[in-house]
């Protein structure tokens, strides 16, 4: 593998490794220089908005409040990352969570009890069953992130089946740039694409459309 070639000296540089591999390199090759920095790649959770339960923004807010972003950064990314709350996370002039109105800021915070309350208000006092499309193509740590999110969802009553898909089939329905949005409930995407539509639609849009990324499908 490329990592083995790096350790053996066949490669002088390797541009991208996951957090666990980086920790292994630090232990096995302490003389190697390792630079870690934030990138524009992020995990994006998308919803099917044209049918229940995610056509109700209270359910989407509950999903968001079920996610402990700080725990994911600490335990899954091993500290090599940061929660993304806004359009361009590396822009120093972008609005920070503390600049948001309080009611919007709450939807981005870990509030499991409020998540359960919102599900009940939306008509799901016993929770919901849904699915999340994902592909294992991206490897670690993204697969572990998907599994952690499913566990967090279940803790608040969102029983989520992780539907694993072959990479090309996954892109066909869930790609942030060209996916059809034709999945059953949610899709977890790995992308560096940004859209004003995407940021606003995921949690707050009330427009009926197939996928929270594809506003034009509803004429919006």
Protein backbone atom coordinates (compact mmCIF):
# COMPACT_ATOMS: atom_id res chain seq x y z
CA UNK A 1 0.00 0.00 0.00
CA UNK A 2 1.00 3.65 -0.27
CA UNK A 3 1.31 3.93 3.50
CA UNK A 4 3.64 0.93 3.57
CA UNK A 5 5.70 2.51 0.79
CA UNK A 6 5.90 5.73 2.81
CA UNK A 7 7.10 3.89 5.91
CA UNK A 8 9.70 1.94 3.94
CA UNK A 9 11.10 5.03 2.25
CA UNK A 10 9.86 4.27 -1.27
CA UNK A 11 7.69 7.40 -1.04
CA UNK A 12 8.92 10.73 0.29
CA UNK A 13 5.49 12.27 0.70
CA UNK A 14 1.90 11.11 1.16
CA UNK A 15 -0.72 13.86 0.82
CA UNK A 16 -3.65 12.49 2.78
CA UNK A 17 -4.10 9.95 5.57
CA UNK A 18 -6.89 9.31 8.05
CA UNK A 19 -6.55 10.14 11.75
CA UNK A 20 -5.89 6.56 12.85
CA UNK A 21 -3.23 6.06 10.16
CA UNK A 22 -1.63 9.34 11.15
CA UNK A 23 -1.44 8.17 14.76
CA UNK A 24 0.16 4.89 13.60
CA UNK A 25 2.76 6.79 11.56
CA UNK A 26 3.62 8.99 14.54
CA UNK A 27 4.20 5.89 16.67
CA UNK A 28 6.13 3.85 14.11
CA UNK A 29 8.02 6.67 12.39
CA UNK A 30 8.55 9.48 14.91
CA UNK A 31 11.15 11.08 12.64
CA UNK A 32 8.58 11.81 9.93
CA UNK A 33 7.18 15.34 9.63
CA UNK A 34 3.39 15.35 9.73
CA UNK A 35 1.28 18.42 9.01
CA UNK A 36 -2.40 18.41 9.98
CA UNK A 37 -4.81 21.16 8.94
CA UNK A 38 -8.49 21.65 8.23
CA UNK A 39 -9.75 21.19 4.68
CA UNK A 40 -12.98 22.10 2.90
CA UNK A 41 -14.08 18.46 2.75
CA UNK A 42 -16.96 17.70 5.06
CA UNK A 43 -19.67 15.18 5.80
CA UNK A 44 -23.06 16.44 4.67
CA UNK A 45 -26.35 14.95 5.82
CA UNK A 46 -29.14 15.31 3.27
CA UNK A 47 -32.85 14.60 3.56
CA UNK A 48 -35.74 13.48 1.39
CA UNK A 49 -38.10 16.43 1.67
CA UNK A 50 -41.03 15.36 -0.48
CA UNK A 51 -42.49 12.82 1.95
CA UNK A 52 -42.71 12.06 5.67
CA UNK A 53 -41.03 12.19 8.02
CA UNK A 54 -38.41 14.66 6.75
CA UNK A 55 -40.83 17.02 5.05
CA UNK A 56 -41.41 18.26 8.62
CA UNK A 57 -38.58 20.55 9.68
CA UNK A 58 -39.11 19.56 13.33
CA UNK A 59 -37.91 16.07 12.46
CA UNK A 60 -34.84 17.43 10.69
CA UNK A 61 -34.11 19.63 13.69
CA UNK A 62 -34.37 16.54 15.89
CA UNK A 63 -31.83 14.73 13.71
CA UNK A 64 -29.43 17.66 14.01
CA UNK A 65 -29.87 17.90 17.77
CA UNK A 66 -29.17 14.17 18.10
CA UNK A 67 -25.66 14.58 16.69
CA UNK A 68 -22.89 15.21 19.22
CA UNK A 69 -20.46 16.87 16.86
CA UNK A 70 -17.80 17.40 19.51
CA UNK A 71 -17.77 13.69 20.37
CA UNK A 72 -17.40 12.79 16.70
CA UNK A 73 -14.43 15.14 16.34
CA UNK A 74 -12.81 13.81 19.52
CA UNK A 75 -13.47 10.07 19.26
CA UNK A 76 -13.90 9.41 15.52
CA UNK A 77 -11.63 12.03 13.98
CA UNK A 78 -9.21 11.81 16.95
CA UNK A 79 -9.20 15.58 17.20
CA UNK A 80 -8.27 16.07 13.53
CA UNK A 81 -11.29 18.08 12.44
CA UNK A 82 -13.94 20.55 13.50
CA UNK A 83 -17.73 20.84 13.41
CA UNK A 84 -19.02 22.64 10.31
CA UNK A 85 -21.83 25.08 11.07
CA UNK A 86 -21.74 27.38 8.07
CA UNK A 87 -21.13 27.75 4.36
CA UNK A 88 -17.35 28.21 4.14
CA UNK A 89 -15.82 26.91 7.38
CA UNK A 90 -12.31 28.18 6.62
CA UNK A 91 -13.41 31.75 5.87
CA UNK A 92 -12.39 33.90 8.87
CA UNK A 93 -15.17 36.40 8.12
CA UNK A 94 -18.02 33.88 7.98
CA UNK A 95 -20.72 33.97 10.67
CA UNK A 96 -19.91 31.85 13.69
CA UNK A 97 -22.54 29.86 15.63
CA UNK A 98 -22.55 32.45 18.39
CA UNK A 99 -23.63 35.05 15.79
CA UNK A 100 -26.75 33.07 14.84
CA UNK A 101 -30.19 33.85 16.28
CA UNK A 102 -30.72 31.69 19.37
CA UNK A 103 -33.49 29.59 17.80
CA UNK A 104 -31.27 28.67 14.86
CA UNK A 105 -28.21 28.08 16.99
CA UNK A 106 -30.11 25.55 19.12
CA UNK A 107 -30.73 23.33 16.09
CA UNK A 108 -26.96 22.94 15.67
CA UNK A 109 -26.29 21.99 19.28
CA UNK A 110 -26.38 18.56 20.90
CA UNK A 111 -29.75 18.52 22.68
CA UNK A 112 -31.04 14.91 22.78
CA UNK A 113 -33.96 15.65 25.12
CA UNK A 114 -35.19 18.42 22.84
CA UNK A 115 -34.78 16.10 19.88
CA UNK A 116 -37.17 13.61 21.49
CA UNK A 117 -39.62 16.42 22.27
CA UNK A 118 -39.55 17.64 18.67
CA UNK A 119 -40.25 14.14 17.36
CA UNK A 120 -43.27 13.91 19.67
CA UNK A 121 -44.52 17.33 18.54
CA UNK A 122 -44.21 16.22 14.93
CA UNK A 123 -46.44 13.21 15.66
CA UNK A 124 -43.80 10.60 16.43
CA UNK A 125 -43.85 10.08 20.21
CA UNK A 126 -42.44 6.59 19.76
CA UNK A 127 -39.74 7.71 17.36
CA UNK A 128 -39.30 6.89 13.67
CA UNK A 129 -37.73 4.24 11.48
CA UNK A 130 -35.71 5.46 8.53
CA UNK A 131 -32.54 4.78 6.54
CA UNK A 132 -29.33 6.54 5.62
CA UNK A 133 -27.53 5.83 2.37
CA UNK A 134 -23.74 5.57 2.53
CA UNK A 135 -20.80 3.98 0.73
CA UNK A 136 -17.74 2.42 2.34
CA UNK A 137 -15.62 3.62 -0.58
CA UNK A 138 -14.30 6.62 1.39
CA UNK A 139 -12.85 4.40 4.11
CA UNK A 140 -11.75 5.53 7.56
CA UNK A 141 -12.71 7.70 9.40
CA UNK A 142 -15.86 8.36 7.39
CA UNK A 143 -17.26 4.85 7.82
CA UNK A 144 -16.82 5.15 11.58
CA UNK A 145 -18.54 8.54 11.48
CA UNK A 146 -21.57 7.06 9.72
CA UNK A 147 -21.80 4.30 12.34
CA UNK A 148 -21.48 6.81 15.19
CA UNK A 149 -24.27 8.94 13.76
CA UNK A 150 -26.59 5.95 13.48
CA UNK A 151 -25.95 5.17 17.16
CA UNK A 152 -26.66 8.79 18.15
CA UNK A 153 -29.88 8.81 16.14
CA UNK A 154 -31.08 5.64 17.84
CA UNK A 155 -30.49 7.19 21.27
CA UNK A 156 -33.23 9.75 20.62
CA UNK A 157 -35.67 7.40 18.88
CA UNK A 158 -34.54 7.71 15.25
CA UNK A 159 -34.01 4.05 14.35
CA UNK A 160 -31.80 4.32 11.27
CA UNK A 161 -30.76 1.53 8.93
CA UNK A 162 -27.35 2.20 7.38
CA UNK A 163 -27.82 1.29 3.71
CA UNK A 164 -24.42 0.59 2.20
CA UNK A 165 -24.13 1.12 -1.52
CA UNK A 166 -21.53 0.48 -4.20
CA UNK A 167 -19.72 3.73 -5.00
CA UNK A 168 -21.11 4.45 -8.47
CA UNK A 169 -24.65 3.64 -7.37
CA UNK A 170 -24.16 5.86 -4.31
CA UNK A 171 -23.03 8.81 -6.43
CA UNK A 172 -26.00 8.34 -8.72
CA UNK A 173 -28.46 9.12 -5.93
CA UNK A 174 -26.49 10.97 -3.26
CA UNK A 175 -23.77 13.03 -4.96
CA UNK A 176 -23.99 16.65 -3.83
CA UNK A 177 -23.29 17.83 -7.35
CA UNK A 178 -25.29 15.50 -9.57
CA UNK A 179 -27.22 12.99 -7.45
CA UNK A 180 -30.89 12.38 -8.19
CA UNK A 181 -31.89 12.54 -4.51
CA UNK A 182 -33.92 9.35 -4.96
CA UNK A 183 -33.12 7.65 -1.66
CA UNK A 184 -35.65 6.71 1.01
CA UNK A 185 -34.81 8.87 4.02
CA UNK A 186 -31.37 10.39 4.47
CA UNK A 187 -28.05 10.32 2.66
CA UNK A 188 -24.62 11.00 4.11
CA UNK A 189 -22.34 12.62 1.56
CA UNK A 190 -18.62 13.44 1.60
CA UNK A 191 -18.04 16.59 -0.38
CA UNK A 192 -16.29 19.93 -0.75
CA UNK A 193 -19.20 21.49 -2.64
CA UNK A 194 -21.12 24.33 -1.02
CA UNK A 195 -24.44 25.90 -1.84
CA UNK A 196 -26.59 28.52 -0.13
CA UNK A 197 -29.52 26.27 -0.98
CA UNK A 198 -27.85 23.34 0.77
CA UNK A 199 -27.12 25.22 3.98
CA UNK A 200 -30.62 26.63 4.34
CA UNK A 201 -32.53 23.65 3.00
CA UNK A 202 -31.19 20.91 5.22
CA UNK A 203 -32.80 22.13 8.43
CA UNK A 204 -35.21 24.94 7.62
CA UNK A 205 -36.74 24.65 4.14
CA UNK A 206 -40.45 23.97 3.87
CA UNK A 207 -40.39 23.50 0.09
CA UNK A 208 -41.56 20.07 -1.07
CA UNK A 209 -38.82 18.57 -3.22
CA UNK A 210 -37.06 15.28 -3.72
CA UNK A 211 -33.74 16.19 -2.18
CA UNK A 212 -32.61 18.99 0.09
CA UNK A 213 -29.73 19.83 -2.26
CA UNK A 214 -31.81 20.03 -5.45
CA UNK A 215 -34.05 23.07 -5.01
CA UNK A 216 -34.69 23.45 -8.76
CA UNK A 217 -36.62 20.17 -8.77
CA UNK A 218 -39.44 21.97 -6.96
CA UNK A 219 -39.07 25.16 -8.94
CA UNK A 220 -37.67 26.91 -5.86
